[in-house]
Protein backbone atom coordinates (compact mmCIF):
# COMPACT_ATOMS: atom_id res chain seq x y z
CA MET A 1 140.20 52.55 -46.64
CA GLU A 2 139.67 48.85 -46.90
CA ILE A 3 142.32 48.33 -44.29
CA VAL A 4 140.59 50.72 -41.94
CA LEU A 5 137.29 48.95 -42.43
CA LEU A 6 138.96 45.60 -41.82
CA ILE A 7 140.56 46.81 -38.65
CA GLY A 8 137.28 48.32 -37.47
CA SER A 9 135.32 45.18 -38.14
CA THR A 10 137.92 43.16 -36.39
CA GLY A 11 137.74 45.35 -33.27
CA ILE A 12 133.99 45.20 -33.29
CA GLY A 13 134.17 41.37 -33.49
CA ILE A 14 136.60 41.22 -30.65
CA ALA A 15 134.44 43.52 -28.55
CA ALA A 16 131.37 41.47 -29.38
CA GLY A 17 133.18 38.21 -28.52
CA PHE A 18 134.36 39.63 -25.27
CA ALA A 19 130.86 40.74 -24.42
CA ILE A 20 129.43 37.34 -25.28
CA CYS A 21 132.08 35.58 -23.15
CA LYS A 22 131.30 37.86 -20.23
CA VAL A 23 127.63 37.10 -20.54
CA ILE A 24 128.30 33.39 -20.65
CA GLU A 25 130.64 33.61 -17.62
CA GLN A 26 128.03 35.49 -15.66
CA LYS A 27 125.39 32.84 -16.43
CA ARG A 28 127.81 30.05 -15.38
CA LEU A 29 128.65 31.83 -12.14
CA LYS A 30 124.98 32.34 -11.46
CA GLY A 31 124.32 28.58 -12.03
CA THR A 32 127.24 27.59 -9.82
CA ARG A 33 126.04 29.89 -7.07
CA LYS A 34 122.55 28.47 -7.28
CA LEU A 35 123.96 24.87 -7.14
CA ALA A 36 126.10 25.80 -4.18
CA GLU A 37 123.10 27.28 -2.42
CA GLN A 38 121.09 24.15 -3.16
CA LEU A 39 123.85 21.89 -1.85
CA LEU A 40 124.17 24.05 1.25
CA GLN A 41 120.43 23.78 1.89
CA GLU A 42 120.51 19.99 1.48
CA ALA A 43 123.49 19.77 3.80
CA GLN A 44 121.69 21.84 6.39
CA LYS A 45 118.57 19.63 6.06
CA GLU A 46 120.72 16.48 6.44
CA ALA A 47 122.45 17.97 9.46
CA GLU A 48 119.11 18.82 11.02
CA ARG A 49 117.88 15.27 10.39
CA LYS A 50 121.07 13.75 11.89
CA LYS A 51 120.74 16.09 14.81
CA ARG A 52 117.16 15.00 15.42
CA GLU A 53 118.14 11.29 15.15
CA ILE A 54 121.05 11.70 17.58
CA LEU A 55 118.85 13.58 20.03
CA THR A 56 116.19 10.87 19.73
CA GLU A 57 118.72 8.09 20.34
CA ALA A 58 120.25 9.97 23.25
CA LYS A 59 116.81 10.45 24.81
CA GLU A 60 116.00 6.74 24.34
CA ALA A 61 119.36 5.70 25.87
CA ALA A 62 118.87 8.08 28.76
CA LEU A 63 115.37 6.70 29.26
CA GLN A 64 116.65 3.10 29.20
CA ILE A 65 119.44 3.92 31.66
CA ARG A 66 116.91 5.59 33.92
CA GLN A 67 114.57 2.60 33.73
CA ASP A 68 117.47 0.20 34.49
CA LEU A 69 118.55 2.29 37.44
CA GLU A 70 114.99 2.50 38.74
CA ARG A 71 114.58 -1.30 38.36
CA GLU A 72 117.92 -1.96 40.11
CA ILE A 73 116.99 0.45 42.89
CA LYS A 74 113.64 -1.31 43.21
CA ASP A 75 115.27 -4.76 43.37
CA ARG A 76 117.82 -3.64 45.94
CA ARG A 77 115.08 -2.01 47.98
CA ALA A 78 113.05 -5.25 47.86
CA GLU A 79 116.13 -7.28 48.85
CA LEU A 80 116.82 -4.91 51.74
CA GLN A 81 113.22 -5.29 52.83
CA ARG A 82 113.49 -9.07 52.73
CA ALA A 83 116.75 -8.94 54.67
CA GLU A 84 115.13 -6.69 57.23
CA ARG A 85 112.21 -9.10 57.55
CA ARG A 86 114.63 -12.03 57.99
CA ILE A 87 116.56 -10.12 60.62
CA GLU A 88 113.34 -9.24 62.40
CA GLN A 89 112.24 -12.90 62.28
CA LYS A 90 115.62 -14.04 63.63
CA GLU A 91 115.44 -11.46 66.39
CA GLU A 92 111.95 -12.65 67.28
CA SER A 93 113.15 -16.29 67.24
CA LEU A 94 116.16 -15.44 69.40
CA ASP A 95 113.94 -13.55 71.81
CA LYS A 96 111.62 -16.56 72.05
CA ARG A 97 114.58 -18.93 72.58
CA LEU A 98 116.02 -16.65 75.21
CA GLU A 99 112.66 -16.50 76.92
CA ASN A 100 112.35 -20.30 76.80
CA LEU A 101 115.90 -20.71 78.13
CA ASN A 102 115.19 -18.32 80.98
CA ARG A 103 112.00 -20.18 81.77
CA LYS A 104 113.79 -23.57 81.66
CA ASP A 105 116.60 -22.18 83.80
CA GLU A 106 114.08 -21.04 86.37
CA GLU A 107 112.37 -24.44 86.28
CA ILE A 108 115.72 -26.22 86.73
CA ARG A 109 116.59 -24.03 89.71
CA ASN A 110 113.22 -24.74 91.26
CA ARG A 111 113.66 -28.51 90.65
CA LEU A 112 117.15 -28.45 92.14
CA ALA A 113 115.85 -26.65 95.18
CA ALA A 114 113.06 -29.20 95.55
CA ILE A 115 115.49 -32.10 95.10
CA GLU A 116 117.85 -30.65 97.67
CA LYS A 117 114.97 -30.29 100.10
CA GLN A 118 113.89 -33.90 99.47
CA LYS A 119 117.49 -35.06 99.92
CA ARG A 120 117.72 -33.38 103.33
CA GLU A 121 114.40 -34.91 104.32
CA ILE A 122 115.53 -38.39 103.19
CA GLU A 123 118.79 -38.07 105.14
CA ARG A 124 116.87 -37.06 108.25
CA LEU A 125 114.49 -40.01 107.87
CA HIS A 126 117.43 -42.35 107.23
CA GLU A 127 119.17 -41.24 110.40
CA GLU A 128 115.96 -41.71 112.39
CA GLU A 129 115.37 -45.21 110.96
CA LEU A 130 118.99 -46.16 111.57
CA ALA A 131 118.81 -45.06 115.17
CA ARG A 132 115.55 -46.98 115.64
CA LEU A 133 117.05 -50.16 114.11
CA GLN A 134 120.11 -49.92 116.36
CA GLU A 135 117.84 -49.58 119.36
CA ILE A 136 115.76 -52.63 118.32
CA ALA A 137 118.73 -54.86 117.32
CA GLN A 138 120.85 -53.90 120.32
CA MET A 139 123.95 -53.58 118.05
CA SER A 140 125.75 -50.88 116.13
CA CYS A 141 125.89 -50.51 112.33
CA GLU A 142 129.43 -51.84 112.19
CA GLU A 143 128.50 -54.91 114.23
CA ALA A 144 125.49 -55.58 112.02
CA ARG A 145 127.64 -55.20 108.89
CA GLN A 146 130.21 -57.68 110.20
CA HIS A 147 127.49 -60.16 111.14
CA LEU A 148 125.87 -59.99 107.69
CA LEU A 149 129.21 -60.33 105.94
CA ALA A 150 130.08 -63.40 107.96
CA ARG A 151 126.76 -65.07 107.15
CA ALA A 152 127.03 -64.13 103.47
CA GLU A 153 130.55 -65.48 103.30
CA GLU A 154 129.47 -68.80 104.83
CA GLU A 155 126.50 -69.16 102.48
CA ALA A 156 128.45 -68.15 99.38
CA ALA A 157 131.55 -70.25 100.00
CA GLY A 158 130.12 -73.29 98.24
CA GLU A 159 128.60 -71.26 95.43
CA ILE A 160 131.88 -69.41 94.91
CA GLY A 161 133.72 -72.72 94.51
CA LEU A 162 131.25 -73.92 91.90
CA ARG A 163 131.39 -70.54 90.16
CA ILE A 164 135.18 -70.60 90.08
CA LYS A 165 135.07 -74.02 88.47
CA GLU A 166 132.59 -72.80 85.85
CA ILE A 167 134.71 -69.74 85.12
CA GLU A 168 137.83 -71.87 84.75
CA GLU A 169 136.05 -74.12 82.22
CA LYS A 170 134.73 -71.09 80.34
CA VAL A 171 138.20 -69.50 80.28
CA ARG A 172 139.68 -72.71 78.89
CA ARG A 173 137.11 -72.84 76.10
CA GLU A 174 137.40 -69.13 75.37
CA SER A 175 141.19 -69.18 75.39
CA ALA A 176 141.22 -72.06 72.89
CA ARG A 177 138.79 -70.22 70.63
CA ARG A 178 140.73 -66.97 70.92
CA ALA A 179 144.00 -68.76 70.25
CA ARG A 180 142.60 -70.25 67.04
CA GLU A 181 141.30 -66.83 66.01
CA ILE A 182 144.65 -65.13 66.68
CA ILE A 183 146.51 -67.79 64.71
CA ALA A 184 144.12 -67.48 61.76
CA THR A 185 144.42 -63.69 61.79
CA ALA A 186 148.19 -63.89 62.02
CA ILE A 187 148.27 -66.17 58.98
CA GLN A 188 146.22 -63.61 57.07
CA ARG A 189 148.41 -60.66 58.06
CA CYS A 190 151.97 -61.85 58.70
CA ALA A 191 154.63 -62.99 56.25
CA VAL A 192 155.83 -66.55 56.71
CA ASP A 193 158.02 -68.85 54.68
CA HIS A 194 155.13 -71.04 53.63
CA THR A 195 152.29 -68.62 52.98
CA SER A 196 148.69 -69.68 52.86
CA GLU A 197 146.34 -69.58 49.91
CA ALA A 198 144.97 -66.30 51.20
CA THR A 199 148.17 -64.49 50.23
CA VAL A 200 149.15 -66.08 46.92
CA SER A 201 147.70 -66.56 43.45
CA VAL A 202 148.95 -69.04 40.87
CA VAL A 203 148.92 -68.14 37.17
CA ASN A 204 149.17 -71.05 34.73
CA LEU A 205 151.44 -70.68 31.70
CA PRO A 206 151.06 -72.26 28.26
CA SER A 207 154.66 -73.45 28.48
CA ASP A 208 157.84 -73.01 30.49
CA GLU A 209 159.27 -70.86 27.69
CA MET A 210 156.89 -68.12 28.78
CA LYS A 211 158.84 -67.78 32.05
CA GLY A 212 161.82 -66.36 30.16
CA ARG A 213 159.62 -63.84 28.37
CA ILE A 214 158.04 -62.82 31.66
CA ILE A 215 161.48 -62.27 33.22
CA GLY A 216 162.75 -60.38 30.16
CA ARG A 217 166.24 -59.30 29.24
CA GLU A 218 168.29 -58.90 32.43
CA GLY A 219 165.03 -59.14 34.40
CA ARG A 220 163.62 -55.83 33.20
CA ASN A 221 160.08 -57.18 32.63
CA ILE A 222 159.71 -58.76 36.05
CA ARG A 223 161.14 -55.64 37.75
CA ALA A 224 158.71 -53.39 35.88
CA PHE A 225 155.80 -55.72 36.73
CA GLU A 226 156.62 -55.85 40.46
CA MET A 227 157.19 -52.09 40.64
CA LEU A 228 153.89 -51.25 38.90
CA THR A 229 151.71 -53.79 40.76
CA GLY A 230 153.38 -53.88 44.19
CA VAL A 231 153.21 -57.70 44.07
CA ASP A 232 156.04 -60.23 44.29
CA LEU A 233 156.28 -62.36 41.13
CA ILE A 234 157.85 -65.73 42.01
CA VAL A 235 159.28 -67.74 39.13
CA ASP A 236 160.44 -71.10 40.49
CA ASP A 237 160.71 -74.69 39.33
CA THR A 238 156.96 -75.25 39.34
CA PRO A 239 156.14 -76.47 35.83
CA GLU A 240 154.05 -74.13 33.66
CA ALA A 241 153.08 -71.83 36.52
CA VAL A 242 154.25 -68.71 38.36
CA THR A 243 153.18 -67.43 41.76
CA LEU A 244 151.96 -63.95 42.75
CA SER A 245 152.44 -63.11 46.42
CA SER A 246 150.97 -60.14 48.31
CA PHE A 247 148.95 -59.46 51.44
CA ASP A 248 146.83 -56.94 49.51
CA PRO A 249 144.13 -59.00 47.72
CA VAL A 250 143.25 -56.12 45.39
CA ARG A 251 146.83 -55.68 44.22
CA ARG A 252 147.13 -59.44 43.80
CA GLU A 253 143.96 -59.52 41.68
CA VAL A 254 145.22 -56.65 39.48
CA ALA A 255 148.53 -58.46 39.04
CA ARG A 256 146.83 -61.76 38.19
CA ILE A 257 144.54 -60.30 35.52
CA SER A 258 147.37 -58.19 34.07
CA LEU A 259 149.73 -61.16 33.81
CA GLU A 260 147.06 -63.36 32.20
CA ARG A 261 146.36 -60.67 29.59
CA LEU A 262 150.06 -60.18 28.91
CA ILE A 263 150.45 -63.94 28.36
CA VAL A 264 147.51 -64.02 25.94
CA ASP A 265 148.72 -60.88 24.14
CA GLY A 266 152.29 -62.16 23.84
CA ARG A 267 153.80 -58.65 23.83
CA ILE A 268 155.65 -58.46 27.12
CA HIS A 269 157.85 -55.39 27.63
CA PRO A 270 157.88 -52.56 30.24
CA ALA A 271 155.75 -50.14 28.19
CA ARG A 272 153.12 -52.80 27.46
CA ILE A 273 153.16 -53.93 31.10
CA GLU A 274 152.52 -50.37 32.27
CA GLU A 275 149.63 -49.98 29.79
CA ILE A 276 147.96 -53.26 30.78
CA VAL A 277 148.41 -52.71 34.54
CA GLU A 278 146.90 -49.22 34.35
CA LYS A 279 143.92 -50.49 32.34
CA VAL A 280 143.33 -53.45 34.65
CA SER A 281 143.67 -51.22 37.74
CA ASN A 282 140.88 -48.99 36.46
CA GLU A 283 138.72 -52.03 35.66
CA VAL A 284 139.28 -53.57 39.09
CA GLU A 285 138.50 -50.25 40.78
CA GLU A 286 135.23 -50.06 38.85
CA THR A 287 134.51 -53.68 39.82
CA ILE A 288 135.16 -52.83 43.48
CA ILE A 289 132.75 -49.88 43.40
CA GLU A 290 130.11 -51.96 41.61
CA ALA A 291 130.50 -54.76 44.17
CA GLY A 292 130.06 -52.28 47.03
CA GLU A 293 126.99 -50.71 45.44
CA GLU A 294 125.45 -54.13 44.74
CA ALA A 295 126.02 -55.15 48.36
CA LEU A 296 124.34 -51.95 49.59
CA LEU A 297 121.41 -52.55 47.24
CA GLU A 298 121.03 -56.19 48.31
CA ALA A 299 121.18 -55.28 52.00
CA ASN A 300 118.86 -52.26 51.46
CA VAL A 301 121.33 -49.88 53.09
CA LYS A 302 121.38 -46.23 51.98
CA GLY A 303 123.40 -43.08 52.60
CA VAL A 304 126.84 -44.70 52.93
CA HIS A 305 129.88 -42.51 52.22
CA PRO A 306 131.46 -43.21 48.78
CA GLU A 307 134.81 -44.08 50.39
CA LEU A 308 133.11 -46.68 52.60
CA VAL A 309 131.38 -48.09 49.50
CA LYS A 310 134.78 -48.50 47.86
CA VAL A 311 136.29 -50.17 50.94
CA LEU A 312 133.24 -52.43 51.22
CA GLY A 313 133.72 -53.55 47.61
CA GLN A 314 137.32 -54.55 48.40
CA LEU A 315 135.95 -57.27 50.71
CA ARG A 316 135.00 -59.16 47.55
CA PHE A 317 138.67 -60.12 47.21
CA ARG A 318 139.15 -61.04 50.89
CA ALA A 319 138.43 -64.40 52.48
CA SER A 320 138.45 -65.46 56.13
CA PHE A 321 138.70 -69.16 56.97
CA GLY A 322 137.78 -69.85 53.35
CA GLN A 323 134.58 -67.75 53.56
CA ASN A 324 134.25 -64.74 51.25
CA THR A 325 134.13 -61.69 53.51
CA LEU A 326 131.65 -59.69 51.41
CA VAL A 327 129.23 -62.63 51.21
CA HIS A 328 129.67 -63.15 54.95
CA SER A 329 128.91 -59.46 55.61
CA LEU A 330 125.71 -59.67 53.56
CA GLU A 331 124.63 -62.75 55.53
CA VAL A 332 125.31 -60.98 58.83
CA ALA A 333 123.30 -57.95 57.64
CA LYS A 334 120.30 -60.12 56.70
CA VAL A 335 120.40 -62.22 59.89
CA ALA A 336 120.80 -59.13 62.08
CA GLY A 337 117.89 -57.44 60.29
CA LEU A 338 115.64 -60.45 60.86
CA MET A 339 116.52 -60.63 64.56
CA ALA A 340 115.99 -56.87 64.94
CA ALA A 341 112.54 -57.18 63.35
CA GLU A 342 111.62 -59.96 65.79
CA LEU A 343 112.81 -57.86 68.75
CA GLY A 344 110.96 -54.75 67.57
CA VAL A 345 114.05 -52.54 67.17
CA GLU A 346 115.13 -50.59 64.09
CA GLU A 347 115.84 -53.10 61.32
CA SER A 348 117.73 -50.70 59.02
CA THR A 349 120.32 -49.89 61.71
CA ALA A 350 120.93 -53.60 62.34
CA ARG A 351 121.40 -54.29 58.62
CA ARG A 352 123.75 -51.33 58.26
CA ALA A 353 125.92 -52.43 61.19
CA GLY A 354 125.94 -56.02 59.94
CA LEU A 355 127.05 -55.03 56.46
CA LEU A 356 129.88 -52.84 57.77
CA HIS A 357 131.03 -55.00 60.73
CA ASP A 358 134.02 -56.58 58.89
CA ILE A 359 134.95 -53.52 56.81
CA GLY A 360 138.28 -53.27 58.65
CA LYS A 361 139.43 -56.51 56.99
CA ALA A 362 139.81 -54.61 53.69
CA ILE A 363 142.70 -52.52 55.09
CA ASP A 364 143.99 -54.46 58.12
CA HIS A 365 146.97 -55.74 56.12
CA ASN A 366 148.57 -52.28 56.17
CA THR A 367 147.13 -50.84 59.40
CA GLU A 368 147.99 -51.78 62.98
CA GLY A 369 145.26 -53.16 65.19
CA SER A 370 142.43 -55.67 64.99
CA HIS A 371 140.01 -55.48 62.09
CA ALA A 372 137.12 -54.64 64.43
CA LEU A 373 138.83 -51.53 65.84
CA ILE A 374 140.16 -50.52 62.43
CA GLY A 375 136.66 -50.82 60.94
CA ALA A 376 135.13 -48.83 63.80
CA ASP A 377 137.64 -46.02 63.34
CA LEU A 378 136.99 -46.01 59.59
CA ALA A 379 133.21 -45.89 60.06
CA LYS A 380 133.51 -43.04 62.58
CA ARG A 381 135.76 -41.10 60.20
CA TYR A 382 133.11 -41.21 57.47
CA GLY A 383 130.16 -40.12 59.56
CA GLU A 384 128.56 -43.33 60.84
CA SER A 385 126.53 -43.11 64.05
CA ASP A 386 127.87 -44.06 67.49
CA GLU A 387 125.63 -47.16 67.55
CA ILE A 388 127.13 -48.42 64.27
CA VAL A 389 130.69 -47.66 65.40
CA ASN A 390 130.22 -49.47 68.72
CA ALA A 391 128.60 -52.48 67.01
CA ILE A 392 131.61 -52.79 64.67
CA ALA A 393 134.18 -52.38 67.46
CA SER A 394 132.52 -54.81 69.89
CA HIS A 395 131.57 -57.74 67.63
CA HIS A 396 134.70 -59.64 68.80
CA GLU A 397 134.31 -58.49 72.44
CA GLU A 398 137.31 -56.12 72.24
CA VAL A 399 135.05 -53.24 73.30
CA GLU A 400 132.07 -53.34 75.66
CA PRO A 401 128.75 -53.42 73.73
CA LYS A 402 126.64 -50.35 74.44
CA SER A 403 123.46 -51.10 72.49
CA ILE A 404 121.19 -53.94 71.44
CA TYR A 405 122.64 -53.66 67.91
CA ALA A 406 126.13 -54.57 69.12
CA VAL A 407 124.76 -57.77 70.67
CA LEU A 408 122.78 -58.57 67.51
CA ILE A 409 125.83 -58.14 65.25
CA ALA A 410 127.99 -60.39 67.45
CA ALA A 411 125.27 -63.08 67.38
CA ALA A 412 124.66 -62.74 63.62
CA ASP A 413 128.41 -62.93 62.96
CA ALA A 414 128.64 -66.20 64.89
CA VAL A 415 125.56 -67.60 63.12
CA SER A 416 126.95 -66.82 59.65
CA ALA A 417 130.40 -68.27 60.43
CA SER A 418 128.98 -71.47 61.92
CA ARG A 419 126.44 -72.15 59.16
CA PRO A 420 127.09 -75.57 57.58
CA GLY A 421 128.82 -75.10 54.25
CA ALA A 422 129.78 -71.49 54.89
CA ARG A 423 133.44 -72.37 55.15
CA LYS A 424 133.42 -75.21 52.68
CA GLU A 425 136.72 -74.19 51.14
CA ASP A 426 138.50 -75.51 54.23
CA LEU A 427 136.75 -78.84 53.69
CA ASP A 428 137.70 -78.80 50.02
CA ALA A 429 141.35 -78.23 50.91
CA TYR A 430 141.18 -81.07 53.42
CA ILE A 431 139.68 -83.45 50.82
CA LYS A 432 142.28 -82.46 48.26
CA ARG A 433 145.05 -83.23 50.75
CA LEU A 434 143.64 -86.70 51.39
CA GLU A 435 143.30 -87.37 47.67
CA LYS A 436 146.88 -86.25 47.13
CA LEU A 437 148.10 -88.69 49.76
CA GLU A 438 146.22 -91.55 48.13
CA GLN A 439 147.48 -90.58 44.66
CA ILE A 440 151.12 -90.58 45.83
CA ALA A 441 150.73 -94.07 47.32
CA LYS A 442 148.97 -95.44 44.21
CA SER A 443 151.70 -94.08 41.93
CA PHE A 444 154.08 -96.92 43.00
CA LYS A 445 154.15 -100.23 41.16
CA GLY A 446 152.44 -103.11 42.93
CA VAL A 447 150.00 -100.96 44.96
CA ASP A 448 146.40 -102.14 44.68
CA LYS A 449 144.63 -99.71 47.01
CA ALA A 450 145.47 -96.79 49.29
CA PHE A 451 143.34 -95.25 52.05
CA ALA A 452 143.98 -91.98 53.92
CA ILE A 453 142.62 -92.33 57.46
CA GLN A 454 142.86 -90.52 60.79
CA ALA A 455 142.15 -87.14 59.15
CA GLY A 456 145.12 -87.60 56.86
CA ARG A 457 147.54 -88.55 59.63
CA GLU A 458 147.87 -92.14 58.36
CA VAL A 459 147.91 -93.82 54.96
CA ARG A 460 147.24 -97.55 54.64
CA VAL A 461 148.59 -99.09 51.46
CA MET A 462 147.48 -102.49 50.14
CA VAL A 463 150.04 -104.20 47.85
CA SER A 464 149.64 -107.25 45.68
CA PRO A 465 151.51 -110.30 47.06
CA ALA A 466 152.22 -111.47 43.53
CA VAL A 467 154.23 -108.32 42.77
CA ALA A 468 155.98 -107.58 46.03
CA ASP A 469 157.63 -109.86 48.57
CA ASP A 470 158.12 -109.28 52.28
CA GLY A 471 161.51 -107.61 51.86
CA ALA A 472 160.22 -105.17 49.25
CA VAL A 473 157.40 -104.00 51.54
CA TYR A 474 159.79 -102.08 53.81
CA LYS A 475 161.50 -100.44 50.84
CA LEU A 476 158.14 -99.46 49.35
CA CYS A 477 157.01 -97.97 52.67
CA TYR A 478 160.22 -95.92 52.88
CA GLU A 479 159.89 -94.64 49.30
CA ILE A 480 156.25 -93.62 49.81
CA ALA A 481 157.19 -91.72 52.98
CA LYS A 482 160.02 -89.87 51.20
CA LYS A 483 157.77 -88.91 48.28
CA VAL A 484 155.13 -87.58 50.66
CA GLU A 485 157.80 -85.50 52.43
CA ASN A 486 159.05 -84.01 49.15
CA GLU A 487 155.71 -83.28 47.45
CA MET A 488 153.45 -82.22 50.30
CA LYS A 489 153.50 -79.62 53.06
CA TYR A 490 151.76 -80.50 56.32
CA PRO A 491 152.08 -79.95 60.05
CA GLY A 492 153.26 -82.81 62.26
CA GLN A 493 153.85 -86.25 60.75
CA ILE A 494 152.03 -88.82 58.60
CA LYS A 495 152.17 -92.56 59.32
CA ILE A 496 152.65 -94.84 56.30
CA THR A 497 151.42 -98.44 56.77
CA VAL A 498 151.98 -100.96 53.94
CA ILE A 499 150.01 -104.22 54.15
CA ARG A 500 150.78 -107.34 52.10
CA GLU A 501 147.97 -109.81 52.23
CA MET A 502 147.70 -113.31 50.71
CA ARG A 503 144.22 -114.74 50.10
CA ALA A 504 143.23 -118.14 48.72
CA VAL A 505 139.72 -118.52 47.31
CA GLU A 506 138.04 -121.73 46.10
CA TYR A 507 134.45 -122.61 45.33
CA ALA A 508 132.85 -125.92 46.32
CA LYS A 509 130.60 -127.28 43.56
């Protein structure tokens, strides 16, 4: 019985537990379903919100695109309208020009017709007058012509003789001047054994040991220097000095500065030479440009092509007859401007032509032709006017002058070259040569005084009678002559006169 009750109670408990579990499961399912429904609703709300945002953004983007398109269409429409207006204006202008051309053409035809009519009338009147003159003179035109020619020949015979004589004298003077000019130009441009100062530069050395360092091992330094500068480096027996030789003054200046810096630096090898030469080349180029710009500013000349400015600056390193070419060009510009102002013509054009008249001298060492024609071609190439080009080409009478400016430049060039002191370097060289002659004579023992006379063609030497006798005078004269021959270079010959004078002086008391 107890067992039955136990089993029954157990079954009831199990049934009750099962029922409780089922109730709990149903409540959990109900809560899960409600949560799922809630999540679904929130997801739907979020989707609706996202949908609205996307639609809003799409509408805004579409609106912006529409506005951009409308603005672009508006701009293009405005541009097309402007283009149409320009085309219409051009068409109107062309129509007016065509109308003017037609009117001018008609006027020209009318003028030509009138001129032709006048010409026929003049010919008719000429024939009538000619016939009347023949009737009055009782001779034909040919007879009258021969008679007039005979009388003119008789009257002009004497004048022609005088004129021929004047022309011959002028030709002699002009030929001498032209010969001197050709010789001077040839010295500037042609290589000779004994080159002038215009083609060489001398660089002083601290000692003769520096020559070996300049040459370098197996001559590598001097080869590198000549290759980089384009200048001949001459190392001879001249004590503590080397010579730089080149017709290009700019290259010679670059070489001179580079060599001086290498000597001061002390490091002389191909790599250092290349570095210094490149640096100095840039500096010299800047100096050239600055010199050209300063010259333009001083002459008050504007609008010159940069390449012409650079070529103009190169004239700073060029000299002609001892006169600096850039300084000479500035003088010509100023003088020409002053003369133009006095004549009432355009002063700026005269200054411009004067400043550029010798520009061909900057490049005539590597270009065939005279510097005037070279400069004219250069000026024409860089856009200078025909008046300027003709003034440059004709300032040495190689081309016929075609304007007042050409005549002014030729006159100003002559004025600047002939100004006292303008070519003082020639005088300095002359004085130095005379002093050298006197120094050579005074270097001998027994010489009291020495005087260079006859423009350096004769040296008179005064010797002391107490030191030299009559026989020694001839020997001294010979030795002085030989020393002059060995130490100086000169054209022609120099006369050496040695004078031995004996004076007795007493005072009466």
